[in-house]
Amino acid sequence: MNQMTLSRRLAFGLGAILLALIVLAVVAYKTSDETHVHMDELSDNNLPYLLKSQELMNESNTIVRSLRNMQIIGAATVEDKAKSADEWSRVLKSEENSSKIIDETKVQAADRADVLSQLEKIAGNQAKFLETQIKFKALFDSGDVANSRLFVTGEL
């Protein structure tokens, strides 16, 4: 190496750096390709369930908004009672939609124990949530709007 001229030393060093960059580029390309494949698998396997989960969240939000609206509207006049009845019908429709979404997802995820386990938890919570809604509605219909507000606020 001491016998080499300066230009050959520079060429050798530059060649070694170039070779290292090429090896690094090939490794990076293979790794990114593998990552892309894994991301595709992940999205194909879980995306449908994430979308169903978002639909369930939307229905839950509709229920909570309707219950809140019922509390705000109250039941002082006939018009208020009619508006509250409309909100209650939204609650019932959202409960029905939630049950359909859970049933559809159970069929879709028949081979996914992890998804089915989560669906069972959601269904259990949905049943408790429905009980709360029914108790709220009973208090609300009896004219005890103040206690219905306290009840649903404490439960939710």
N, C-alpha and C. Protein backbone atom coordinates (compact mmCIF):
# COMPACT_ATOMS: atom_id res chain seq x y z
N MET A 1 0.83 -1.18 0.00
CA MET A 1 0.00 0.00 0.00
C MET A 1 0.88 1.25 0.00
N ASN A 2 2.06 1.16 0.62
CA ASN A 2 2.97 2.31 0.64
C ASN A 2 3.54 2.59 -0.75
N GLN A 3 3.57 1.58 -1.62
CA GLN A 3 4.13 1.72 -2.95
C GLN A 3 3.16 2.37 -3.92
N MET A 4 1.86 2.47 -3.54
CA MET A 4 0.83 3.00 -4.46
C MET A 4 0.94 4.52 -4.54
N THR A 5 0.60 5.02 -5.71
CA THR A 5 0.61 6.47 -5.87
C THR A 5 -0.63 7.06 -5.21
N LEU A 6 -0.62 8.33 -5.02
CA LEU A 6 -1.72 9.02 -4.36
C LEU A 6 -3.03 8.84 -5.13
N SER A 7 -2.98 8.91 -6.43
CA SER A 7 -4.21 8.76 -7.23
C SER A 7 -4.80 7.36 -7.09
N ARG A 8 -3.92 6.34 -7.01
CA ARG A 8 -4.43 4.97 -6.83
C ARG A 8 -5.02 4.79 -5.43
N ARG A 9 -4.41 5.38 -4.44
CA ARG A 9 -4.96 5.31 -3.07
C ARG A 9 -6.34 5.95 -3.01
N LEU A 10 -6.47 7.12 -3.64
CA LEU A 10 -7.78 7.80 -3.66
C LEU A 10 -8.82 6.97 -4.42
N ALA A 11 -8.42 6.40 -5.53
CA ALA A 11 -9.32 5.57 -6.32
C ALA A 11 -9.75 4.34 -5.52
N PHE A 12 -8.79 3.71 -4.84
CA PHE A 12 -9.11 2.54 -4.01
C PHE A 12 -10.08 2.92 -2.88
N GLY A 13 -9.82 4.02 -2.20
CA GLY A 13 -10.69 4.47 -1.11
C GLY A 13 -12.08 4.83 -1.62
N LEU A 14 -12.14 5.54 -2.74
CA LEU A 14 -13.43 5.91 -3.33
C LEU A 14 -14.19 4.66 -3.78
N GLY A 15 -13.50 3.69 -4.33
CA GLY A 15 -14.12 2.44 -4.76
C GLY A 15 -14.71 1.69 -3.57
N ALA A 16 -13.97 1.67 -2.46
CA ALA A 16 -14.46 0.99 -1.26
C ALA A 16 -15.71 1.67 -0.72
N ILE A 17 -15.71 3.00 -0.73
CA ILE A 17 -16.89 3.74 -0.27
C ILE A 17 -18.06 3.49 -1.21
N LEU A 18 -17.81 3.50 -2.51
CA LEU A 18 -18.86 3.23 -3.50
C LEU A 18 -19.45 1.84 -3.32
N LEU A 19 -18.59 0.86 -3.09
CA LEU A 19 -19.05 -0.51 -2.87
C LEU A 19 -19.92 -0.59 -1.61
N ALA A 20 -19.50 0.08 -0.56
CA ALA A 20 -20.29 0.09 0.68
C ALA A 20 -21.66 0.74 0.45
N LEU A 21 -21.70 1.82 -0.31
CA LEU A 21 -22.97 2.49 -0.61
C LEU A 21 -23.90 1.60 -1.43
N ILE A 22 -23.33 0.87 -2.37
CA ILE A 22 -24.15 -0.04 -3.19
C ILE A 22 -24.74 -1.15 -2.32
N VAL A 23 -23.92 -1.73 -1.44
CA VAL A 23 -24.41 -2.77 -0.53
C VAL A 23 -25.50 -2.20 0.37
N LEU A 24 -25.30 -1.02 0.90
CA LEU A 24 -26.28 -0.36 1.75
C LEU A 24 -27.59 -0.10 1.00
N ALA A 25 -27.50 0.32 -0.25
CA ALA A 25 -28.68 0.60 -1.06
C ALA A 25 -29.48 -0.69 -1.32
N VAL A 26 -28.79 -1.77 -1.60
CA VAL A 26 -29.46 -3.05 -1.85
C VAL A 26 -30.17 -3.54 -0.59
N VAL A 27 -29.49 -3.45 0.55
CA VAL A 27 -30.10 -3.87 1.81
C VAL A 27 -31.32 -3.00 2.13
N ALA A 28 -31.21 -1.71 1.94
CA ALA A 28 -32.33 -0.80 2.21
C ALA A 28 -33.51 -1.12 1.29
N TYR A 29 -33.24 -1.40 0.03
CA TYR A 29 -34.31 -1.73 -0.91
C TYR A 29 -35.03 -3.01 -0.51
N LYS A 30 -34.27 -4.03 -0.17
CA LYS A 30 -34.89 -5.31 0.24
C LYS A 30 -35.71 -5.12 1.51
N THR A 31 -35.18 -4.37 2.47
CA THR A 31 -35.89 -4.14 3.73
C THR A 31 -37.18 -3.36 3.51
N SER A 32 -37.12 -2.35 2.66
CA SER A 32 -38.34 -1.56 2.40
C SER A 32 -39.37 -2.40 1.66
N ASP A 33 -38.93 -3.27 0.78
CA ASP A 33 -39.85 -4.14 0.07
C ASP A 33 -40.54 -5.11 1.03
N GLU A 34 -39.77 -5.68 1.98
CA GLU A 34 -40.35 -6.57 2.98
C GLU A 34 -41.33 -5.81 3.88
N THR A 35 -40.97 -4.60 4.26
CA THR A 35 -41.84 -3.77 5.09
C THR A 35 -43.15 -3.49 4.36
N HIS A 36 -43.06 -3.21 3.08
CA HIS A 36 -44.26 -2.95 2.27
C HIS A 36 -45.17 -4.19 2.26
N VAL A 37 -44.59 -5.35 2.10
CA VAL A 37 -45.37 -6.59 2.09
C VAL A 37 -46.07 -6.78 3.44
N HIS A 38 -45.35 -6.55 4.54
CA HIS A 38 -45.93 -6.71 5.87
C HIS A 38 -47.03 -5.68 6.13
N MET A 39 -46.85 -4.48 5.66
CA MET A 39 -47.87 -3.44 5.82
C MET A 39 -49.14 -3.81 5.03
N ASP A 40 -48.95 -4.35 3.84
CA ASP A 40 -50.11 -4.80 3.05
C ASP A 40 -50.87 -5.90 3.78
N GLU A 41 -50.13 -6.86 4.35
CA GLU A 41 -50.77 -7.94 5.09
C GLU A 41 -51.53 -7.39 6.30
N LEU A 42 -50.90 -6.48 7.00
CA LEU A 42 -51.51 -5.89 8.19
C LEU A 42 -52.79 -5.14 7.84
N SER A 43 -52.73 -4.35 6.78
CA SER A 43 -53.92 -3.59 6.41
C SER A 43 -55.02 -4.50 5.87
N ASP A 44 -54.64 -5.52 5.12
CA ASP A 44 -55.65 -6.45 4.60
C ASP A 44 -56.32 -7.23 5.72
N ASN A 45 -55.54 -7.58 6.75
CA ASN A 45 -56.08 -8.38 7.85
C ASN A 45 -56.88 -7.56 8.85
N ASN A 46 -56.51 -6.32 9.07
CA ASN A 46 -57.13 -5.55 10.15
C ASN A 46 -57.99 -4.38 9.71
N LEU A 47 -57.80 -3.89 8.51
CA LEU A 47 -58.53 -2.71 8.07
C LEU A 47 -60.04 -2.89 8.10
N PRO A 48 -60.59 -4.02 7.65
CA PRO A 48 -62.05 -4.17 7.72
C PRO A 48 -62.59 -4.05 9.15
N TYR A 49 -61.83 -4.57 10.12
CA TYR A 49 -62.27 -4.52 11.50
C TYR A 49 -62.14 -3.11 12.08
N LEU A 50 -61.12 -2.39 11.63
CA LEU A 50 -60.96 -1.01 12.07
C LEU A 50 -62.11 -0.15 11.54
N LEU A 51 -62.52 -0.42 10.31
CA LEU A 51 -63.65 0.32 9.74
C LEU A 51 -64.95 0.01 10.49
N LYS A 52 -65.15 -1.25 10.83
CA LYS A 52 -66.33 -1.62 11.61
C LYS A 52 -66.29 -0.97 12.99
N SER A 53 -65.10 -0.92 13.57
CA SER A 53 -64.94 -0.28 14.86
C SER A 53 -65.31 1.20 14.78
N GLN A 54 -64.92 1.85 13.70
CA GLN A 54 -65.27 3.26 13.52
C GLN A 54 -66.78 3.43 13.36
N GLU A 55 -67.41 2.51 12.66
CA GLU A 55 -68.88 2.56 12.52
C GLU A 55 -69.54 2.44 13.89
N LEU A 56 -69.04 1.54 14.72
CA LEU A 56 -69.59 1.38 16.08
C LEU A 56 -69.40 2.66 16.90
N MET A 57 -68.24 3.27 16.77
CA MET A 57 -67.99 4.53 17.48
C MET A 57 -68.96 5.61 17.02
N ASN A 58 -69.21 5.66 15.73
CA ASN A 58 -70.16 6.65 15.20
C ASN A 58 -71.55 6.44 15.78
N GLU A 59 -71.98 5.19 15.86
CA GLU A 59 -73.31 4.90 16.42
C GLU A 59 -73.35 5.26 17.90
N SER A 60 -72.28 4.95 18.63
CA SER A 60 -72.23 5.31 20.06
C SER A 60 -72.29 6.82 20.24
N ASN A 61 -71.59 7.54 19.39
CA ASN A 61 -71.62 9.00 19.47
C ASN A 61 -73.02 9.55 19.17
N THR A 62 -73.71 8.93 18.23
CA THR A 62 -75.08 9.34 17.92
C THR A 62 -75.97 9.15 19.14
N ILE A 63 -75.81 8.03 19.81
CA ILE A 63 -76.62 7.75 21.01
C ILE A 63 -76.35 8.79 22.09
N VAL A 64 -75.08 9.03 22.36
CA VAL A 64 -74.72 9.98 23.42
C VAL A 64 -75.22 11.38 23.08
N ARG A 65 -75.08 11.79 21.81
CA ARG A 65 -75.59 13.11 21.41
C ARG A 65 -77.09 13.20 21.57
N SER A 66 -77.79 12.15 21.21
CA SER A 66 -79.26 12.16 21.33
C SER A 66 -79.69 12.22 22.79
N LEU A 67 -79.01 11.48 23.65
CA LEU A 67 -79.34 11.54 25.08
C LEU A 67 -79.04 12.94 25.63
N ARG A 68 -77.94 13.50 25.20
CA ARG A 68 -77.62 14.87 25.62
C ARG A 68 -78.69 15.85 25.13
N ASN A 69 -79.10 15.70 23.88
CA ASN A 69 -80.13 16.58 23.33
C ASN A 69 -81.44 16.45 24.10
N MET A 70 -81.78 15.21 24.50
CA MET A 70 -82.99 15.02 25.28
C MET A 70 -82.90 15.77 26.60
N GLN A 71 -81.72 15.74 27.21
CA GLN A 71 -81.53 16.46 28.47
C GLN A 71 -81.67 17.96 28.26
N ILE A 72 -81.13 18.46 27.16
CA ILE A 72 -81.20 19.90 26.89
C ILE A 72 -82.61 20.33 26.55
N ILE A 73 -83.28 19.55 25.73
CA ILE A 73 -84.64 19.90 25.30
C ILE A 73 -85.62 19.83 26.46
N GLY A 74 -85.50 18.76 27.25
CA GLY A 74 -86.44 18.56 28.35
C GLY A 74 -87.78 18.06 27.85
N ALA A 75 -88.81 18.23 28.68
CA ALA A 75 -90.14 17.75 28.31
C ALA A 75 -91.22 18.69 28.84
N ALA A 76 -90.91 19.98 28.82
CA ALA A 76 -91.84 20.95 29.41
C ALA A 76 -93.09 21.15 28.56
N THR A 77 -92.94 21.16 27.26
CA THR A 77 -94.09 21.40 26.38
C THR A 77 -94.32 20.20 25.48
N VAL A 78 -95.43 20.24 24.78
CA VAL A 78 -95.75 19.17 23.82
C VAL A 78 -94.69 19.14 22.72
N GLU A 79 -94.27 20.31 22.29
CA GLU A 79 -93.24 20.40 21.25
C GLU A 79 -91.92 19.80 21.74
N ASP A 80 -91.56 20.09 22.99
CA ASP A 80 -90.34 19.52 23.57
C ASP A 80 -90.43 18.00 23.64
N LYS A 81 -91.61 17.50 24.01
CA LYS A 81 -91.79 16.05 24.09
C LYS A 81 -91.64 15.41 22.71
N ALA A 82 -92.15 16.09 21.68
CA ALA A 82 -92.03 15.56 20.31
C ALA A 82 -90.56 15.54 19.88
N LYS A 83 -89.83 16.61 20.18
CA LYS A 83 -88.41 16.65 19.83
C LYS A 83 -87.64 15.56 20.59
N SER A 84 -87.97 15.40 21.85
CA SER A 84 -87.32 14.36 22.64
C SER A 84 -87.64 12.97 22.11
N ALA A 85 -88.87 12.78 21.65
CA ALA A 85 -89.26 11.49 21.05
C ALA A 85 -88.45 11.23 19.79
N ASP A 86 -88.19 12.27 18.99
CA ASP A 86 -87.35 12.11 17.80
C ASP A 86 -85.93 11.69 18.19
N GLU A 87 -85.42 12.32 19.23
CA GLU A 87 -84.07 11.96 19.70
C GLU A 87 -84.04 10.52 20.19
N TRP A 88 -85.09 10.10 20.90
CA TRP A 88 -85.14 8.72 21.39
C TRP A 88 -85.20 7.74 20.22
N SER A 89 -85.91 8.10 19.16
CA SER A 89 -85.96 7.21 17.99
C SER A 89 -84.57 7.08 17.36
N ARG A 90 -83.77 8.15 17.41
CA ARG A 90 -82.38 8.07 16.93
C ARG A 90 -81.58 7.10 17.79
N VAL A 91 -81.82 7.15 19.10
CA VAL A 91 -81.12 6.24 20.01
C VAL A 91 -81.45 4.79 19.63
N LEU A 92 -82.72 4.50 19.45
CA LEU A 92 -83.14 3.13 19.13
C LEU A 92 -82.58 2.68 17.78
N LYS A 93 -82.57 3.59 16.81
CA LYS A 93 -82.03 3.26 15.49
C LYS A 93 -80.53 2.97 15.58
N SER A 94 -79.82 3.78 16.36
CA SER A 94 -78.39 3.56 16.52
C SER A 94 -78.10 2.26 17.25
N GLU A 95 -78.92 1.93 18.25
CA GLU A 95 -78.76 0.64 18.94
C GLU A 95 -78.95 -0.52 17.96
N GLU A 96 -79.95 -0.39 17.11
CA GLU A 96 -80.22 -1.43 16.11
C GLU A 96 -79.04 -1.54 15.13
N ASN A 97 -78.54 -0.39 14.67
CA ASN A 97 -77.39 -0.40 13.75
C ASN A 97 -76.16 -1.00 14.42
N SER A 98 -75.93 -0.68 15.69
CA SER A 98 -74.79 -1.23 16.41
C SER A 98 -74.87 -2.75 16.48
N SER A 99 -76.04 -3.27 16.77
CA SER A 99 -76.21 -4.72 16.84
C SER A 99 -75.94 -5.36 15.48
N LYS A 100 -76.40 -4.73 14.42
CA LYS A 100 -76.15 -5.26 13.07
C LYS A 100 -74.66 -5.26 12.76
N ILE A 101 -73.98 -4.18 13.12
CA ILE A 101 -72.54 -4.09 12.85
C ILE A 101 -71.80 -5.19 13.61
N ILE A 102 -72.17 -5.41 14.86
CA ILE A 102 -71.52 -6.46 15.66
C ILE A 102 -71.78 -7.83 15.04
N ASP A 103 -73.02 -8.08 14.65
CA ASP A 103 -73.35 -9.38 14.03
C ASP A 103 -72.60 -9.58 12.72
N GLU A 104 -72.55 -8.54 11.88
CA GLU A 104 -71.83 -8.65 10.60
C GLU A 104 -70.34 -8.93 10.85
N THR A 105 -69.79 -8.25 11.83
CA THR A 105 -68.37 -8.41 12.11
C THR A 105 -68.08 -9.80 12.66
N LYS A 106 -69.00 -10.34 13.46
CA LYS A 106 -68.81 -11.71 13.97
C LYS A 106 -68.75 -12.71 12.82
N VAL A 107 -69.60 -12.53 11.84
CA VAL A 107 -69.59 -13.43 10.68
C VAL A 107 -68.30 -13.25 9.89
N GLN A 108 -67.92 -11.99 9.69
CA GLN A 108 -66.72 -11.68 8.92
C GLN A 108 -65.45 -12.19 9.61
N ALA A 109 -65.45 -12.18 10.94
CA ALA A 109 -64.25 -12.53 11.71
C ALA A 109 -64.35 -13.90 12.35
N ALA A 110 -65.06 -14.81 11.73
CA ALA A 110 -65.30 -16.13 12.33
C ALA A 110 -64.00 -16.86 12.67
N ASP A 111 -62.94 -16.59 11.92
CA ASP A 111 -61.67 -17.29 12.15
C ASP A 111 -60.66 -16.46 12.96
N ARG A 112 -61.09 -15.33 13.48
CA ARG A 112 -60.20 -14.44 14.22
C ARG A 112 -60.61 -14.39 15.69
N ALA A 113 -59.97 -15.18 16.52
CA ALA A 113 -60.31 -15.25 17.94
C ALA A 113 -60.10 -13.91 18.64
N ASP A 114 -59.07 -13.17 18.25
CA ASP A 114 -58.81 -11.88 18.88
C ASP A 114 -59.94 -10.88 18.62
N VAL A 115 -60.43 -10.87 17.39
CA VAL A 115 -61.53 -9.95 17.04
C VAL A 115 -62.81 -10.38 17.74
N LEU A 116 -63.07 -11.67 17.76
CA LEU A 116 -64.29 -12.17 18.42
C LEU A 116 -64.27 -11.87 19.91
N SER A 117 -63.10 -11.97 20.52
CA SER A 117 -62.98 -11.65 21.94
C SER A 117 -63.32 -10.18 22.20
N GLN A 118 -62.81 -9.30 21.36
CA GLN A 118 -63.11 -7.87 21.50
C GLN A 118 -64.60 -7.60 21.25
N LEU A 119 -65.18 -8.30 20.30
CA LEU A 119 -66.61 -8.11 20.01
C LEU A 119 -67.48 -8.53 21.20
N GLU A 120 -67.06 -9.58 21.89
CA GLU A 120 -67.81 -10.01 23.08
C GLU A 120 -67.78 -8.92 24.16
N LYS A 121 -66.61 -8.30 24.33
CA LYS A 121 -66.50 -7.20 25.30
C LYS A 121 -67.40 -6.03 24.89
N ILE A 122 -67.38 -5.72 23.61
CA ILE A 122 -68.20 -4.60 23.11
C ILE A 122 -69.68 -4.91 23.32
N ALA A 123 -70.08 -6.14 23.00
CA ALA A 123 -71.49 -6.53 23.16
C ALA A 123 -71.90 -6.47 24.63
N GLY A 124 -71.03 -6.88 25.53
CA GLY A 124 -71.33 -6.81 26.96
C GLY A 124 -71.50 -5.37 27.42
N ASN A 125 -70.62 -4.51 26.97
CA ASN A 125 -70.73 -3.09 27.32
C ASN A 125 -71.96 -2.46 26.69
N GLN A 126 -72.30 -2.91 25.49
CA GLN A 126 -73.49 -2.38 24.82
C GLN A 126 -74.74 -2.72 25.62
N ALA A 127 -74.79 -3.92 26.17
CA ALA A 127 -75.95 -4.32 26.97
C ALA A 127 -76.08 -3.44 28.22
N LYS A 128 -74.94 -3.16 28.89
CA LYS A 128 -74.98 -2.28 30.06
C LYS A 128 -75.40 -0.87 29.66
N PHE A 129 -74.89 -0.41 28.55
CA PHE A 129 -75.21 0.92 28.05
C PHE A 129 -76.70 1.02 27.72
N LEU A 130 -77.27 -0.04 27.15
CA LEU A 130 -78.69 -0.05 26.83
C LEU A 130 -79.54 0.02 28.10
N GLU A 131 -79.12 -0.71 29.14
CA GLU A 131 -79.84 -0.64 30.42
C GLU A 131 -79.86 0.80 30.95
N THR A 132 -78.73 1.47 30.86
CA THR A 132 -78.63 2.86 31.31
C THR A 132 -79.59 3.74 30.51
N GLN A 133 -79.65 3.53 29.22
CA GLN A 133 -80.53 4.33 28.37
C GLN A 133 -82.00 4.11 28.73
N ILE A 134 -82.35 2.86 28.99
CA ILE A 134 -83.75 2.54 29.32
C ILE A 134 -84.13 3.16 30.66
N LYS A 135 -83.23 3.10 31.64
CA LYS A 135 -83.50 3.73 32.94
C LYS A 135 -83.64 5.24 32.78
N PHE A 136 -82.76 5.82 31.97
CA PHE A 136 -82.84 7.26 31.70
C PHE A 136 -84.20 7.60 31.08
N LYS A 137 -84.61 6.82 30.10
CA LYS A 137 -85.87 7.08 29.40
C LYS A 137 -87.05 6.96 30.35
N ALA A 138 -87.01 5.97 31.25
CA ALA A 138 -88.11 5.81 32.21
C ALA A 138 -88.20 7.03 33.12
N LEU A 139 -87.08 7.49 33.63
CA LEU A 139 -87.08 8.70 34.47
C LEU A 139 -87.54 9.91 33.67
N PHE A 140 -87.08 10.01 32.45
CA PHE A 140 -87.42 11.15 31.59
C PHE A 140 -88.92 11.17 31.30
N ASP A 141 -89.47 10.00 30.96
CA ASP A 141 -90.90 9.91 30.64
C ASP A 141 -91.79 10.17 31.85
N SER A 142 -91.27 9.86 33.04
CA SER A 142 -92.06 10.10 34.25
C SER A 142 -92.08 11.58 34.63
N GLY A 143 -91.35 12.39 33.88
CA GLY A 143 -91.32 13.82 34.16
C GLY A 143 -90.21 14.23 35.10
N ASP A 144 -89.42 13.28 35.52
CA ASP A 144 -88.33 13.56 36.45
C ASP A 144 -87.05 13.86 35.65
N VAL A 145 -87.09 14.95 34.90
CA VAL A 145 -86.00 15.31 34.01
C VAL A 145 -84.71 15.57 34.79
N ALA A 146 -84.81 16.23 35.93
CA ALA A 146 -83.62 16.56 36.71
C ALA A 146 -82.88 15.29 37.14
N ASN A 147 -83.62 14.32 37.67
CA ASN A 147 -82.98 13.06 38.10
C ASN A 147 -82.50 12.23 36.91
N SER A 148 -83.23 12.31 35.81
CA SER A 148 -82.77 11.57 34.62
C SER A 148 -81.43 12.14 34.15
N ARG A 149 -81.27 13.47 34.25
CA ARG A 149 -79.99 14.09 33.89
C ARG A 149 -78.88 13.62 34.82
N LEU A 150 -79.17 13.63 36.11
CA LEU A 150 -78.17 13.19 37.08
C LEU A 150 -77.80 11.73 36.86
N PHE A 151 -78.81 10.91 36.60
CA PHE A 151 -78.58 9.48 36.41
C PHE A 151 -77.69 9.22 35.21
N VAL A 152 -78.06 9.77 34.06
CA VAL A 152 -77.31 9.47 32.84
C VAL A 152 -75.92 10.10 32.89
N THR A 153 -75.79 11.26 33.51
CA THR A 153 -74.48 11.88 33.65
C THR A 153 -73.57 11.03 34.53
N GLY A 154 -74.11 10.51 35.60
CA GLY A 154 -73.33 9.65 36.48
C GLY A 154 -72.96 8.34 35.84
N GLU A 155 -73.82 7.79 35.01
CA GLU A 155 -73.58 6.50 34.39
C GLU A 155 -72.62 6.59 33.20
N LEU A 156 -72.74 7.68 32.45
CA LEU A 156 -71.92 7.79 31.25
C LEU A 156 -70.56 8.35 31.61
